[in-house]
Amino acid sequence: MVGPSISDEERVATNNRLKIGMVLLVGVSGGLVALQLDPTPAQVAAAVGVSLLVGAVLTWFVVRTLREFSPKR
């Protein structure tokens, strides 16, 4: 029988990097969309902050939903 190619620690680290990357992607996207409207720096910061919160909630929802499809450990 062939075992997994990565250790559990590597799997956890990779999953955490993917989660952080997803949150940052949504946050930066919100800031870039806000830049199209000629905002003040405070408005850009607010857009990025709100987008980071939305990204965190979205990531939580996706991880929670996909957990039922992952193999049991």
PDB file of N, CA and C in Angstrom:
ATOM      1  N   MET A   1       0.837  -1.176   0.000  1.00  0.00           N
ATOM      2  CA  MET A   1       0.000   0.000   0.000  1.00  0.00           C
ATOM      3  C   MET A   1       0.886   1.244   0.000  1.00  0.00           C
ATOM      4  N   VAL A   2       0.498   2.217  -0.768  1.00  0.00           N
ATOM      5  CA  VAL A   2       1.272   3.449  -0.877  1.00  0.00           C
ATOM      6  C   VAL A   2       0.690   4.477   0.081  1.00  0.00           C
ATOM      7  N   GLY A   3       1.561   5.139   0.849  1.00  0.00           N
ATOM      8  CA  GLY A   3       1.121   6.144   1.814  1.00  0.00           C
ATOM      9  C   GLY A   3       1.032   7.515   1.171  1.00  0.00           C
ATOM     10  N   PRO A   4       0.593   8.499   1.946  1.00  0.00           N
ATOM     11  CA  PRO A   4       0.494   9.865   1.423  1.00  0.00           C
ATOM     12  C   PRO A   4       1.873  10.425   1.119  1.00  0.00           C
ATOM     13  N   SER A   5       1.934  11.311   0.144  1.00  0.00           N
ATOM     14  CA  SER A   5       3.224  11.861  -0.273  1.00  0.00           C
ATOM     15  C   SER A   5       3.673  13.032   0.598  1.00  0.00           C
ATOM     16  N   ILE A   6       2.779  13.594   1.398  1.00  0.00           N
ATOM     17  CA  ILE A   6       3.161  14.675   2.297  1.00  0.00           C
ATOM     18  C   ILE A   6       2.713  14.331   3.715  1.00  0.00           C
ATOM     19  N   SER A   7       3.425  14.898   4.673  1.00  0.00           N
ATOM     20  CA  SER A   7       3.091  14.621   6.074  1.00  0.00           C
ATOM     21  C   SER A   7       1.885  15.447   6.501  1.00  0.00           C
ATOM     22  N   ASP A   8       1.361  15.116   7.665  1.00  0.00           N
ATOM     23  CA  ASP A   8       0.215  15.858   8.187  1.00  0.00           C
ATOM     24  C   ASP A   8       0.578  17.312   8.466  1.00  0.00           C
ATOM     25  N   GLU A   9       1.807  17.555   8.943  1.00  0.00           N
ATOM     26  CA  GLU A   9       2.241  18.926   9.213  1.00  0.00           C
ATOM     27  C   GLU A   9       2.308  19.748   7.924  1.00  0.00           C
ATOM     28  N   GLU A  10       2.808  19.133   6.863  1.00  0.00           N
ATOM     29  CA  GLU A  10       2.870  19.826   5.574  1.00  0.00           C
ATOM     30  C   GLU A  10       1.467  20.095   5.032  1.00  0.00           C
ATOM     31  N   ARG A  11       0.566  19.174   5.251  1.00  0.00           N
ATOM     32  CA  ARG A  11      -0.814  19.341   4.786  1.00  0.00           C
ATOM     33  C   ARG A  11      -1.484  20.503   5.527  1.00  0.00           C
ATOM     34  N   VAL A  12      -1.282  20.583   6.836  1.00  0.00           N
ATOM     35  CA  VAL A  12      -1.861  21.671   7.625  1.00  0.00           C
ATOM     36  C   VAL A  12      -1.271  23.013   7.192  1.00  0.00           C
ATOM     37  N   ALA A  13       0.046  23.057   6.993  1.00  0.00           N
ATOM     38  CA  ALA A  13       0.700  24.303   6.574  1.00  0.00           C
ATOM     39  C   ALA A  13       0.192  24.742   5.199  1.00  0.00           C
ATOM     40  N   THR A  14       0.040  23.816   4.288  1.00  0.00           N
ATOM     41  CA  THR A  14      -0.456  24.148   2.951  1.00  0.00           C
ATOM     42  C   THR A  14      -1.898  24.625   3.007  1.00  0.00           C
ATOM     43  N   ASN A  15      -2.724  23.978   3.801  1.00  0.00           N
ATOM     44  CA  ASN A  15      -4.116  24.408   3.935  1.00  0.00           C
ATOM     45  C   ASN A  15      -4.199  25.812   4.529  1.00  0.00           C
ATOM     46  N   ASN A  16      -3.362  26.106   5.526  1.00  0.00           N
ATOM     47  CA  ASN A  16      -3.365  27.444   6.114  1.00  0.00           C
ATOM     48  C   ASN A  16      -2.929  28.498   5.106  1.00  0.00           C
ATOM     49  N   ARG A  17      -1.915  28.183   4.301  1.00  0.00           N
ATOM     50  CA  ARG A  17      -1.473  29.143   3.262  1.00  0.00           C
ATOM     51  C   ARG A  17      -2.569  29.377   2.234  1.00  0.00           C
ATOM     52  N   LEU A  18      -3.293  28.334   1.860  1.00  0.00           N
ATOM     53  CA  LEU A  18      -4.395  28.494   0.910  1.00  0.00           C
ATOM     54  C   LEU A  18      -5.512  29.353   1.491  1.00  0.00           C
ATOM     55  N   LYS A  19      -5.825  29.151   2.765  1.00  0.00           N
ATOM     56  CA  LYS A  19      -6.866  29.951   3.414  1.00  0.00           C
ATOM     57  C   LYS A  19      -6.458  31.428   3.470  1.00  0.00           C
ATOM     58  N   ILE A  20      -5.218  31.689   3.869  1.00  0.00           N
ATOM     59  CA  ILE A  20      -4.728  33.069   3.940  1.00  0.00           C
ATOM     60  C   ILE A  20      -4.722  33.687   2.548  1.00  0.00           C
ATOM     61  N   GLY A  21      -4.291  32.929   1.556  1.00  0.00           N
ATOM     62  CA  GLY A  21      -4.266  33.425   0.184  1.00  0.00           C
ATOM     63  C   GLY A  21      -5.651  33.769  -0.329  1.00  0.00           C
ATOM     64  N   MET A  22      -6.643  32.960   0.016  1.00  0.00           N
ATOM     65  CA  MET A  22      -8.007  33.239  -0.431  1.00  0.00           C
ATOM     66  C   MET A  22      -8.535  34.521   0.212  1.00  0.00           C
ATOM     67  N   VAL A  23      -8.282  34.700   1.499  1.00  0.00           N
ATOM     68  CA  VAL A  23      -8.731  35.906   2.192  1.00  0.00           C
ATOM     69  C   VAL A  23      -8.047  37.133   1.594  1.00  0.00           C
ATOM     70  N   LEU A  24      -6.744  37.051   1.365  1.00  0.00           N
ATOM     71  CA  LEU A  24      -6.015  38.189   0.791  1.00  0.00           C
ATOM     72  C   LEU A  24      -6.473  38.495  -0.631  1.00  0.00           C
ATOM     73  N   LEU A  25      -6.766  37.471  -1.403  1.00  0.00           N
ATOM     74  CA  LEU A  25      -7.236  37.682  -2.775  1.00  0.00           C
ATOM     75  C   LEU A  25      -8.545  38.453  -2.793  1.00  0.00           C
ATOM     76  N   VAL A  26      -9.472  38.081  -1.928  1.00  0.00           N
ATOM     77  CA  VAL A  26     -10.749  38.793  -1.858  1.00  0.00           C
ATOM     78  C   VAL A  26     -10.532  40.215  -1.350  1.00  0.00           C
ATOM     79  N   GLY A  27      -9.645  40.392  -0.360  1.00  0.00           N
ATOM     80  CA  GLY A  27      -9.376  41.719   0.183  1.00  0.00           C
ATOM     81  C   GLY A  27      -8.759  42.659  -0.834  1.00  0.00           C
ATOM     82  N   VAL A  28      -7.763  42.189  -1.551  1.00  0.00           N
ATOM     83  CA  VAL A  28      -7.120  43.023  -2.576  1.00  0.00           C
ATOM     84  C   VAL A  28      -8.086  43.315  -3.714  1.00  0.00           C
ATOM     85  N   SER A  29      -8.908  42.343  -4.054  1.00  0.00           N
ATOM     86  CA  SER A  29      -9.893  42.551  -5.105  1.00  0.00           C
ATOM     87  C   SER A  29     -10.859  43.672  -4.740  1.00  0.00           C
ATOM     88  N   GLY A  30     -11.307  43.693  -3.498  1.00  0.00           N
ATOM     89  CA  GLY A  30     -12.197  44.767  -3.056  1.00  0.00           C
ATOM     90  C   GLY A  30     -11.533  46.124  -3.128  1.00  0.00           C
ATOM     91  N   GLY A  31     -10.254  46.196  -2.772  1.00  0.00           N
ATOM     92  CA  GLY A  31      -9.518  47.449  -2.871  1.00  0.00           C
ATOM     93  C   GLY A  31      -9.355  47.914  -4.307  1.00  0.00           C
ATOM     94  N   LEU A  32      -9.091  46.984  -5.206  1.00  0.00           N
ATOM     95  CA  LEU A  32      -8.930  47.345  -6.615  1.00  0.00           C
ATOM     96  C   LEU A  32     -10.240  47.814  -7.235  1.00  0.00           C
ATOM     97  N   VAL A  33     -11.331  47.183  -6.847  1.00  0.00           N
ATOM     98  CA  VAL A  33     -12.633  47.624  -7.345  1.00  0.00           C
ATOM     99  C   VAL A  33     -12.926  49.035  -6.833  1.00  0.00           C
ATOM    100  N   ALA A  34     -12.585  49.301  -5.578  1.00  0.00           N
ATOM    101  CA  ALA A  34     -12.819  50.625  -4.999  1.00  0.00           C
ATOM    102  C   ALA A  34     -12.003  51.692  -5.715  1.00  0.00           C
ATOM    103  N   LEU A  35     -10.824  51.340  -6.197  1.00  0.00           N
ATOM    104  CA  LEU A  35      -9.972  52.320  -6.889  1.00  0.00           C
ATOM    105  C   LEU A  35     -10.594  52.824  -8.186  1.00  0.00           C
ATOM    106  N   GLN A  36     -11.524  52.102  -8.734  1.00  0.00           N
ATOM    107  CA  GLN A  36     -12.157  52.520  -9.984  1.00  0.00           C
ATOM    108  C   GLN A  36     -13.092  53.704  -9.786  1.00  0.00           C
ATOM    109  N   LEU A  37     -13.429  54.019  -8.538  1.00  0.00           N
ATOM    110  CA  LEU A  37     -14.397  55.083  -8.260  1.00  0.00           C
ATOM    111  C   LEU A  37     -13.735  56.361  -7.765  1.00  0.00           C
ATOM    112  N   ASP A  38     -12.408  56.481  -7.872  1.00  0.00           N
ATOM    113  CA  ASP A  38     -11.654  57.652  -7.426  1.00  0.00           C
ATOM    114  C   ASP A  38     -11.915  57.943  -5.942  1.00  0.00           C
ATOM    115  N   PRO A  39     -11.593  56.981  -5.063  1.00  0.00           N
ATOM    116  CA  PRO A  39     -11.885  57.143  -3.637  1.00  0.00           C
ATOM    117  C   PRO A  39     -10.772  57.882  -2.897  1.00  0.00           C
ATOM    118  N   THR A  40     -11.069  58.247  -1.666  1.00  0.00           N
ATOM    119  CA  THR A  40     -10.046  58.770  -0.769  1.00  0.00           C
ATOM    120  C   THR A  40      -9.278  57.575  -0.193  1.00  0.00           C
ATOM    121  N   PRO A  41      -8.093  57.819   0.367  1.00  0.00           N
ATOM    122  CA  PRO A  41      -7.353  56.693   0.972  1.00  0.00           C
ATOM    123  C   PRO A  41      -8.144  55.988   2.079  1.00  0.00           C
ATOM    124  N   ALA A  42      -8.926  56.740   2.836  1.00  0.00           N
ATOM    125  CA  ALA A  42      -9.737  56.110   3.893  1.00  0.00           C
ATOM    126  C   ALA A  42     -10.788  55.182   3.297  1.00  0.00           C
ATOM    127  N   GLN A  43     -11.356  55.563   2.175  1.00  0.00           N
ATOM    128  CA  GLN A  43     -12.363  54.722   1.531  1.00  0.00           C
ATOM    129  C   GLN A  43     -11.730  53.445   0.977  1.00  0.00           C
ATOM    130  N   VAL A  44     -10.521  53.572   0.447  1.00  0.00           N
ATOM    131  CA  VAL A  44      -9.826  52.374  -0.045  1.00  0.00           C
ATOM    132  C   VAL A  44      -9.527  51.444   1.127  1.00  0.00           C
ATOM    133  N   ALA A  45      -9.052  52.019   2.237  1.00  0.00           N
ATOM    134  CA  ALA A  45      -8.753  51.199   3.419  1.00  0.00           C
ATOM    135  C   ALA A  45     -10.019  50.525   3.939  1.00  0.00           C
ATOM    136  N   ALA A  46     -11.125  51.243   3.944  1.00  0.00           N
ATOM    137  CA  ALA A  46     -12.394  50.655   4.393  1.00  0.00           C
ATOM    138  C   ALA A  46     -12.823  49.532   3.458  1.00  0.00           C
ATOM    139  N   ALA A  47     -12.676  49.742   2.164  1.00  0.00           N
ATOM    140  CA  ALA A  47     -13.060  48.706   1.196  1.00  0.00           C
ATOM    141  C   ALA A  47     -12.210  47.455   1.373  1.00  0.00           C
ATOM    142  N   VAL A  48     -10.909  47.648   1.577  1.00  0.00           N
ATOM    143  CA  VAL A  48     -10.030  46.495   1.789  1.00  0.00           C
ATOM    144  C   VAL A  48     -10.386  45.795   3.096  1.00  0.00           C
ATOM    145  N   GLY A  49     -10.639  46.557   4.147  1.00  0.00           N
ATOM    146  CA  GLY A  49     -11.000  45.958   5.436  1.00  0.00           C
ATOM    147  C   GLY A  49     -12.282  45.151   5.370  1.00  0.00           C
ATOM    148  N   VAL A  50     -13.293  45.729   4.757  1.00  0.00           N
ATOM    149  CA  VAL A  50     -14.565  45.007   4.622  1.00  0.00           C
ATOM    150  C   VAL A  50     -14.381  43.782   3.737  1.00  0.00           C
ATOM    151  N   SER A  51     -13.596  43.921   2.686  1.00  0.00           N
ATOM    152  CA  SER A  51     -13.362  42.783   1.789  1.00  0.00           C
ATOM    153  C   SER A  51     -12.589  41.677   2.495  1.00  0.00           C
ATOM    154  N   LEU A  52     -11.670  42.035   3.377  1.00  0.00           N
ATOM    155  CA  LEU A  52     -10.956  41.012   4.139  1.00  0.00           C
ATOM    156  C   LEU A  52     -11.919  40.252   5.052  1.00  0.00           C
ATOM    157  N   LEU A  53     -12.857  40.974   5.658  1.00  0.00           N
ATOM    158  CA  LEU A  53     -13.864  40.302   6.484  1.00  0.00           C
ATOM    159  C   LEU A  53     -14.743  39.375   5.643  1.00  0.00           C
ATOM    160  N   VAL A  54     -15.154  39.860   4.485  1.00  0.00           N
ATOM    161  CA  VAL A  54     -15.959  39.022   3.585  1.00  0.00           C
ATOM    162  C   VAL A  54     -15.152  37.804   3.145  1.00  0.00           C
ATOM    163  N   GLY A  55     -13.872  38.007   2.846  1.00  0.00           N
ATOM    164  CA  GLY A  55     -13.014  36.890   2.457  1.00  0.00           C
ATOM    165  C   GLY A  55     -12.861  35.864   3.561  1.00  0.00           C
ATOM    166  N   ALA A  56     -12.764  36.328   4.815  1.00  0.00           N
ATOM    167  CA  ALA A  56     -12.649  35.406   5.945  1.00  0.00           C
ATOM    168  C   ALA A  56     -13.929  34.589   6.106  1.00  0.00           C
ATOM    169  N   VAL A  57     -15.074  35.248   5.986  1.00  0.00           N
ATOM    170  CA  VAL A  57     -16.352  34.530   6.095  1.00  0.00           C
ATOM    171  C   VAL A  57     -16.511  33.553   4.938  1.00  0.00           C
ATOM    172  N   LEU A  58     -16.159  33.981   3.737  1.00  0.00           N
ATOM    173  CA  LEU A  58     -16.258  33.107   2.576  1.00  0.00           C
ATOM    174  C   LEU A  58     -15.343  31.894   2.725  1.00  0.00           C
ATOM    175  N   THR A  59     -14.129  32.111   3.193  1.00  0.00           N
ATOM    176  CA  THR A  59     -13.194  31.005   3.394  1.00  0.00           C
ATOM    177  C   THR A  59     -13.715  30.044   4.450  1.00  0.00           C
ATOM    178  N   TRP A  60     -14.238  30.585   5.545  1.00  0.00           N
ATOM    179  CA  TRP A  60     -14.816  29.732   6.592  1.00  0.00           C
ATOM    180  C   TRP A  60     -15.936  28.873   6.019  1.00  0.00           C
ATOM    181  N   PHE A  61     -16.814  29.489   5.220  1.00  0.00           N
ATOM    182  CA  PHE A  61     -17.943  28.761   4.647  1.00  0.00           C
ATOM    183  C   PHE A  61     -17.461  27.661   3.701  1.00  0.00           C
ATOM    184  N   VAL A  62     -16.502  27.973   2.846  1.00  0.00           N
ATOM    185  CA  VAL A  62     -16.006  26.983   1.882  1.00  0.00           C
ATOM    186  C   VAL A  62     -15.329  25.825   2.602  1.00  0.00           C
ATOM    187  N   VAL A  63     -14.492  26.132   3.594  1.00  0.00           N
ATOM    188  CA  VAL A  63     -13.791  25.074   4.324  1.00  0.00           C
ATOM    189  C   VAL A  63     -14.790  24.201   5.078  1.00  0.00           C
ATOM    190  N   ARG A  64     -15.774  24.830   5.707  1.00  0.00           N
ATOM    191  CA  ARG A  64     -16.787  24.072   6.448  1.00  0.00           C
ATOM    192  C   ARG A  64     -17.589  23.185   5.507  1.00  0.00           C
ATOM    193  N   THR A  65     -17.925  23.707   4.341  1.00  0.00           N
ATOM    194  CA  THR A  65     -18.720  22.946   3.383  1.00  0.00           C
ATOM    195  C   THR A  65     -17.922  21.787   2.781  1.00  0.00           C
ATOM    196  N   LEU A  66     -16.667  22.025   2.454  1.00  0.00           N
ATOM    197  CA  LEU A  66     -15.851  20.985   1.821  1.00  0.00           C
ATOM    198  C   LEU A  66     -15.361  19.935   2.805  1.00  0.00           C
ATOM    199  N   ARG A  67     -15.456  20.231   4.096  1.00  0.00           N
ATOM    200  CA  ARG A  67     -14.987  19.277   5.103  1.00  0.00           C
ATOM    201  C   ARG A  67     -15.737  17.946   5.003  1.00  0.00           C
ATOM    202  N   GLU A  68     -16.997  17.970   4.587  1.00  0.00           N
ATOM    203  CA  GLU A  68     -17.755  16.722   4.499  1.00  0.00           C
ATOM    204  C   GLU A  68     -17.277  15.839   3.348  1.00  0.00           C
ATOM    205  N   PHE A  69     -16.534  16.418   2.379  1.00  0.00           N
ATOM    206  CA  PHE A  69     -16.035  15.637   1.254  1.00  0.00           C
ATOM    207  C   PHE A  69     -14.607  15.168   1.443  1.00  0.00           C
ATOM    208  N   SER A  70     -13.933  15.640   2.484  1.00  0.00           N
ATOM    209  CA  SER A  70     -12.545  15.244   2.701  1.00  0.00           C
ATOM    210  C   SER A  70     -12.490  13.878   3.386  1.00  0.00           C
ATOM    211  N   PRO A  71     -11.405  13.152   3.151  1.00  0.00           N
ATOM    212  CA  PRO A  71     -11.301  11.846   3.796  1.00  0.00           C
ATOM    213  C   PRO A  71     -11.179  11.994   5.309  1.00  0.00           C
ATOM    214  N   LYS A  72     -11.771  11.077   6.036  1.00  0.00           N
ATOM    215  CA  LYS A  72     -11.729  11.107   7.489  1.00  0.00           C
ATOM    216  C   LYS A  72     -10.335  10.685   7.958  1.00  0.00           C
ATOM    217  N   ARG A  73      -9.827  11.390   8.951  1.00  0.00           N
ATOM    218  CA  ARG A  73      -8.492  11.066   9.496  1.00  0.00           C
ATOM    219  C   ARG A  73      -8.636  10.449  10.845  1.00  0.00           C
TER     220      ARG A  73
END
